[in-house]
Amino acid sequence: MAKGIKRIKWTGQGIVKKDSSIPNKKVVIAPDQHVFFEVDQWYDGTPETDKKKEYNLDFSGS
């Protein structure tokens, strides 16, 4: 059974390029900045202890 983060959502902090992004597929952000997300959905098998942990996701590259 799957567990962990199923979907994240943008918190509104940071600049997202809406004209280049595709909802639920791809997000394009302005360069040299931090953009913040939060967990929107968890897989059903995720323990409550995992849901209380702090997660840092680093997406980089071209």
Protein backbone atom coordinates (compact mmCIF):
# COMPACT_ATOMS: atom_id res chain seq x y z
CA MET A 1 0.00 0.00 0.00
CA ALA A 2 1.32 3.44 -0.89
CA LYS A 3 2.17 5.89 1.86
CA GLY A 4 3.58 9.40 2.00
CA ILE A 5 2.79 12.62 0.20
CA LYS A 6 0.27 12.24 -2.61
CA ARG A 7 -0.13 15.87 -3.71
CA ILE A 8 1.32 19.27 -2.78
CA LYS A 9 -0.12 22.74 -3.34
CA TRP A 10 1.39 26.20 -3.61
CA THR A 11 1.02 28.34 -0.47
CA GLY A 12 0.96 31.60 -2.42
CA GLN A 13 4.49 32.54 -1.34
CA GLY A 14 6.90 33.12 -4.21
CA ILE A 15 6.30 33.96 -7.84
CA VAL A 16 4.72 31.29 -10.03
CA LYS A 17 4.71 31.94 -13.79
CA LYS A 18 1.04 31.17 -14.47
CA ASP A 19 1.37 31.59 -18.24
CA SER A 20 4.01 28.82 -18.41
CA SER A 21 2.64 26.49 -15.71
CA ILE A 22 0.15 23.66 -16.26
CA PRO A 23 -2.22 23.00 -13.32
CA ASN A 24 -1.62 19.61 -11.64
CA LYS A 25 1.26 18.89 -14.06
CA LYS A 26 4.03 21.51 -14.07
CA VAL A 27 4.90 24.65 -12.13
CA VAL A 28 7.32 27.27 -13.48
CA ILE A 29 8.78 29.70 -10.96
CA ALA A 30 10.76 32.92 -11.28
CA PRO A 31 14.54 32.35 -11.03
CA ASP A 32 16.63 32.85 -7.87
CA GLN A 33 13.82 32.68 -5.34
CA HIS A 34 12.09 30.32 -2.95
CA VAL A 35 8.55 29.13 -3.60
CA PHE A 36 6.65 27.38 -0.82
CA PHE A 37 4.30 24.42 -0.97
CA GLU A 38 2.32 22.44 1.60
CA VAL A 39 0.92 18.93 1.64
CA ASP A 40 -2.54 18.88 0.07
CA GLN A 41 -3.20 15.13 0.21
CA TRP A 42 -1.64 12.07 1.83
CA TYR A 43 -1.88 8.47 0.67
CA ASP A 44 -4.29 6.44 2.81
CA GLY A 45 -1.51 4.23 4.23
CA THR A 46 0.47 7.15 5.69
CA PRO A 47 0.91 6.91 9.49
CA GLU A 48 -0.04 9.94 11.59
CA THR A 49 3.58 10.20 12.81
CA ASP A 50 4.77 10.72 9.23
CA LYS A 51 2.15 13.43 8.68
CA LYS A 52 3.57 15.44 11.60
CA LYS A 53 7.14 15.45 10.26
CA GLU A 54 8.64 18.45 8.49
CA TYR A 55 9.41 17.80 4.83
CA ASN A 56 11.80 19.79 2.66
CA LEU A 57 11.58 19.19 -1.08
CA ASP A 58 14.30 20.50 -3.36
CA PHE A 59 13.52 20.61 -7.05
CA SER A 60 16.34 21.92 -9.16
CA GLY A 61 17.54 21.54 -12.68
CA SER A 62 16.49 22.61 -16.12
